[in-house]
Amino acid sequence: MIMNFIIRPIRLNETILLSEFLYEAIYQPDALHPVPRTILQHPSFWKYIEEFGTREGDLCVVAEIDKVVVGAVWTRLIHSYGFVDNKTPELSISLYPQYRNQGIGTKLIYGIFEELSRAGYRSVSLSVSKQNPAVRMYLRIGFAIVQENDADYIMVHPLASKC
């Protein structure tokens, strides 16, 4: 388990990394046949990172090991896969594969919870494939399933108020 990592807000010059992390966030059950990176050009994906940092609800924290960003969690107010209402930002998270299952993702999520609470948000949502092993982590840290379809869950987590 990796112990020497820090969670911190993303720096403006690092937002370009979100395209890489967006690709890593796409659940791919068949590692031998990954979806092409060009999928990010599709508007339904690109809207998660387009001009990140310029819109309401744009918050991001990263995991850094030895001055290298290895994971990110970010939120945005968008009408997309994890949409529940106009006041609930949607969360996206990913880590490079070699850093998964080591507690870093959980720390990233708690870091974004703090940022969202400070910004006055009352909840955060996400969409996750039912087959994705991350479902267990989301349930363990308090996300609740609020909707489902054949393939995905929409989950919501309440946030502590910072009044």
Foldseek 3Di string as FASTA:
>chain_A
DDDAKDKDWDDPVCLVCVLVFLLQQDDDPDPVDRDDSCVCVPPLNVVQRVVAPPAPQWTKMFMDHPNRTFKMKTWDQDPHDQDDDRQATEITIGGPVVPPPPCPRVVRVVVVLVVCQVVFGFKYKYKDFPPDPCVVVCVVVAWDFDDDDPTITITMHTGDHDD
